[in-house]
Amino acid sequence: MDNPLMEKDLKIRDLEMSSPGAPGLAPPARTQKGKRRHP
């Protein structure tokens, strides 16, 4: 199964794992929870 979207998703996941604090990617769950706790 050659799906370019899947390949992009896998590449993005690799980047997130290698650099969790990289800009432009989805923020870590901790940040989202912190915002919810402190509106």
PDB file of N, CA and C in Angstrom:
ATOM      1  N   MET A   1       0.845  -1.206   0.000  1.00  0.00           N
ATOM      2  CA  MET A   1       0.000   0.000   0.000  1.00  0.00           C
ATOM      3  C   MET A   1       0.878   1.253   0.000  1.00  0.00           C
ATOM      4  N   ASP A   2       0.933   1.932  -1.148  1.00  0.00           N
ATOM      5  CA  ASP A   2       1.738   3.156  -1.225  1.00  0.00           C
ATOM      6  C   ASP A   2       0.811   4.361  -1.094  1.00  0.00           C
ATOM      7  N   ASN A   3       0.783   4.944   0.076  1.00  0.00           N
ATOM      8  CA  ASN A   3      -0.082   6.107   0.305  1.00  0.00           C
ATOM      9  C   ASN A   3       0.785   7.289   0.740  1.00  0.00           C
ATOM     10  N   PRO A   4       0.880   8.345  -0.081  1.00  0.00           N
ATOM     11  CA  PRO A   4       1.723   9.501   0.256  1.00  0.00           C
ATOM     12  C   PRO A   4       1.290  10.156   1.563  1.00  0.00           C
ATOM     13  N   LEU A   5      -0.016  10.161   1.829  1.00  0.00           N
ATOM     14  CA  LEU A   5      -0.479  10.764   3.076  1.00  0.00           C
ATOM     15  C   LEU A   5       0.054   9.968   4.264  1.00  0.00           C
ATOM     16  N   MET A   6       0.014   8.639   4.164  1.00  0.00           N
ATOM     17  CA  MET A   6       0.525   7.813   5.255  1.00  0.00           C
ATOM     18  C   MET A   6       2.010   8.078   5.450  1.00  0.00           C
ATOM     19  N   GLU A   7       2.749   8.171   4.348  1.00  0.00           N
ATOM     20  CA  GLU A   7       4.189   8.420   4.455  1.00  0.00           C
ATOM     21  C   GLU A   7       4.443   9.751   5.158  1.00  0.00           C
ATOM     22  N   LYS A   8       3.668  10.772   4.800  1.00  0.00           N
ATOM     23  CA  LYS A   8       3.842  12.080   5.446  1.00  0.00           C
ATOM     24  C   LYS A   8       3.549  11.956   6.940  1.00  0.00           C
ATOM     25  N   ASP A   9       2.464  11.256   7.273  1.00  0.00           N
ATOM     26  CA  ASP A   9       2.086  11.108   8.674  1.00  0.00           C
ATOM     27  C   ASP A   9       3.204  10.416   9.450  1.00  0.00           C
ATOM     28  N   LEU A  10       3.771   9.355   8.870  1.00  0.00           N
ATOM     29  CA  LEU A  10       4.846   8.635   9.552  1.00  0.00           C
ATOM     30  C   LEU A  10       6.050   9.549   9.735  1.00  0.00           C
ATOM     31  N   LYS A  11       6.377  10.336   8.708  1.00  0.00           N
ATOM     32  CA  LYS A  11       7.531  11.239   8.817  1.00  0.00           C
ATOM     33  C   LYS A  11       7.294  12.259   9.923  1.00  0.00           C
ATOM     34  N   ILE A  12       6.077  12.797   9.968  1.00  0.00           N
ATOM     35  CA  ILE A  12       5.757  13.786  11.005  1.00  0.00           C
ATOM     36  C   ILE A  12       5.870  13.143  12.386  1.00  0.00           C
ATOM     37  N   ARG A  13       5.384  11.914  12.519  1.00  0.00           N
ATOM     38  CA  ARG A  13       5.465  11.234  13.822  1.00  0.00           C
ATOM     39  C   ARG A  13       6.926  11.026  14.209  1.00  0.00           C
ATOM     40  N   ASP A  14       7.764  10.683  13.236  1.00  0.00           N
ATOM     41  CA  ASP A  14       9.189  10.510  13.534  1.00  0.00           C
ATOM     42  C   ASP A  14       9.765  11.818  14.062  1.00  0.00           C
ATOM     43  N   LEU A  15       9.406  12.932  13.424  1.00  0.00           N
ATOM     44  CA  LEU A  15       9.924  14.232  13.860  1.00  0.00           C
ATOM     45  C   LEU A  15       9.438  14.533  15.274  1.00  0.00           C
ATOM     46  N   GLU A  16       8.172  14.239  15.551  1.00  0.00           N
ATOM     47  CA  GLU A  16       7.628  14.516  16.884  1.00  0.00           C
ATOM     48  C   GLU A  16       8.379  13.705  17.940  1.00  0.00           C
ATOM     49  N   MET A  17       8.670  12.437  17.636  1.00  0.00           N
ATOM     50  CA  MET A  17       9.361  11.596  18.616  1.00  0.00           C
ATOM     51  C   MET A  17      10.798  12.068  18.811  1.00  0.00           C
ATOM     52  N   SER A  18      11.474  12.447  17.705  1.00  0.00           N
ATOM     53  CA  SER A  18      12.875  12.849  17.808  1.00  0.00           C
ATOM     54  C   SER A  18      12.985  14.214  18.482  1.00  0.00           C
ATOM     55  N   SER A  19      12.051  15.133  18.176  1.00  0.00           N
ATOM     56  CA  SER A  19      12.098  16.465  18.787  1.00  0.00           C
ATOM     57  C   SER A  19      10.691  16.885  19.204  1.00  0.00           C
ATOM     58  N   PRO A  20      10.266  16.523  20.411  1.00  0.00           N
ATOM     59  CA  PRO A  20       8.908  16.814  20.879  1.00  0.00           C
ATOM     60  C   PRO A  20       8.634  18.311  20.983  1.00  0.00           C
ATOM     61  N   GLY A  21       9.679  19.127  21.142  1.00  0.00           N
ATOM     62  CA  GLY A  21       9.482  20.571  21.314  1.00  0.00           C
ATOM     63  C   GLY A  21       9.648  21.332  20.016  1.00  0.00           C
ATOM     64  N   ALA A  22       9.648  20.632  18.886  1.00  0.00           N
ATOM     65  CA  ALA A  22       9.858  21.319  17.605  1.00  0.00           C
ATOM     66  C   ALA A  22       8.649  22.195  17.264  1.00  0.00           C
ATOM     67  N   PRO A  23       8.882  23.399  16.751  1.00  0.00           N
ATOM     68  CA  PRO A  23       7.782  24.306  16.391  1.00  0.00           C
ATOM     69  C   PRO A  23       7.042  23.819  15.151  1.00  0.00           C
ATOM     70  N   GLY A  24       5.765  24.185  15.024  1.00  0.00           N
ATOM     71  CA  GLY A  24       4.993  23.798  13.846  1.00  0.00           C
ATOM     72  C   GLY A  24       4.303  22.456  14.029  1.00  0.00           C
ATOM     73  N   LEU A  25       4.709  21.695  15.049  1.00  0.00           N
ATOM     74  CA  LEU A  25       4.067  20.389  15.280  1.00  0.00           C
ATOM     75  C   LEU A  25       3.044  20.516  16.410  1.00  0.00           C
ATOM     76  N   ALA A  26       2.220  19.502  16.554  1.00  0.00           N
ATOM     77  CA  ALA A  26       1.208  19.528  17.611  1.00  0.00           C
ATOM     78  C   ALA A  26       1.894  19.622  18.974  1.00  0.00           C
ATOM     79  N   PRO A  27       1.421  20.514  19.845  1.00  0.00           N
ATOM     80  CA  PRO A  27       2.024  20.683  21.168  1.00  0.00           C
ATOM     81  C   PRO A  27       1.799  19.448  22.031  1.00  0.00           C
ATOM     82  N   PRO A  28       2.652  19.214  23.013  1.00  0.00           N
ATOM     83  CA  PRO A  28       2.515  18.048  23.896  1.00  0.00           C
ATOM     84  C   PRO A  28       1.218  18.118  24.696  1.00  0.00           C
ATOM     85  N   ALA A  29       0.737  16.968  25.140  1.00  0.00           N
ATOM     86  CA  ALA A  29      -0.532  16.914  25.875  1.00  0.00           C
ATOM     87  C   ALA A  29      -0.436  17.745  27.153  1.00  0.00           C
ATOM     88  N   ARG A  30       0.758  17.802  27.765  1.00  0.00           N
ATOM     89  CA  ARG A  30       0.916  18.555  29.019  1.00  0.00           C
ATOM     90  C   ARG A  30       0.522  20.018  28.818  1.00  0.00           C
ATOM     91  N   THR A  31       0.942  20.604  27.693  1.00  0.00           N
ATOM     92  CA  THR A  31       0.626  22.017  27.448  1.00  0.00           C
ATOM     93  C   THR A  31      -0.881  22.209  27.343  1.00  0.00           C
ATOM     94  N   GLN A  32      -1.562  21.317  26.607  1.00  0.00           N
ATOM     95  CA  GLN A  32      -3.011  21.440  26.439  1.00  0.00           C
ATOM     96  C   GLN A  32      -3.714  21.308  27.788  1.00  0.00           C
ATOM     97  N   LYS A  33      -3.298  20.347  28.605  1.00  0.00           N
ATOM     98  CA  LYS A  33      -3.932  20.153  29.908  1.00  0.00           C
ATOM     99  C   LYS A  33      -3.690  21.384  30.787  1.00  0.00           C
ATOM    100  N   GLY A  34      -2.481  21.926  30.727  1.00  0.00           N
ATOM    101  CA  GLY A  34      -2.167  23.103  31.535  1.00  0.00           C
ATOM    102  C   GLY A  34      -3.066  24.275  31.167  1.00  0.00           C
ATOM    103  N   LYS A  35      -3.299  24.467  29.861  1.00  0.00           N
ATOM    104  CA  LYS A  35      -4.161  25.576  29.434  1.00  0.00           C
ATOM    105  C   LYS A  35      -5.579  25.369  29.959  1.00  0.00           C
ATOM    106  N   ARG A  36      -6.055  24.116  29.936  1.00  0.00           N
ATOM    107  CA  ARG A  36      -7.416  23.847  30.402  1.00  0.00           C
ATOM    108  C   ARG A  36      -7.527  24.099  31.905  1.00  0.00           C
ATOM    109  N   ARG A  37      -6.500  23.721  32.652  1.00  0.00           N
ATOM    110  CA  ARG A  37      -6.549  23.899  34.109  1.00  0.00           C
ATOM    111  C   ARG A  37      -6.488  25.377  34.476  1.00  0.00           C
ATOM    112  N   HIS A  38      -5.693  26.145  33.721  1.00  0.00           N
ATOM    113  CA  HIS A  38      -5.531  27.569  34.025  1.00  0.00           C
ATOM    114  C   HIS A  38      -6.057  28.411  32.866  1.00  0.00           C
ATOM    115  N   PRO A  39      -7.355  28.672  32.815  1.00  0.00           N
ATOM    116  CA  PRO A  39      -7.960  29.446  31.717  1.00  0.00           C
ATOM    117  C   PRO A  39      -7.549  30.921  31.758  1.00  0.00           C
TER     118      PRO A  39
END
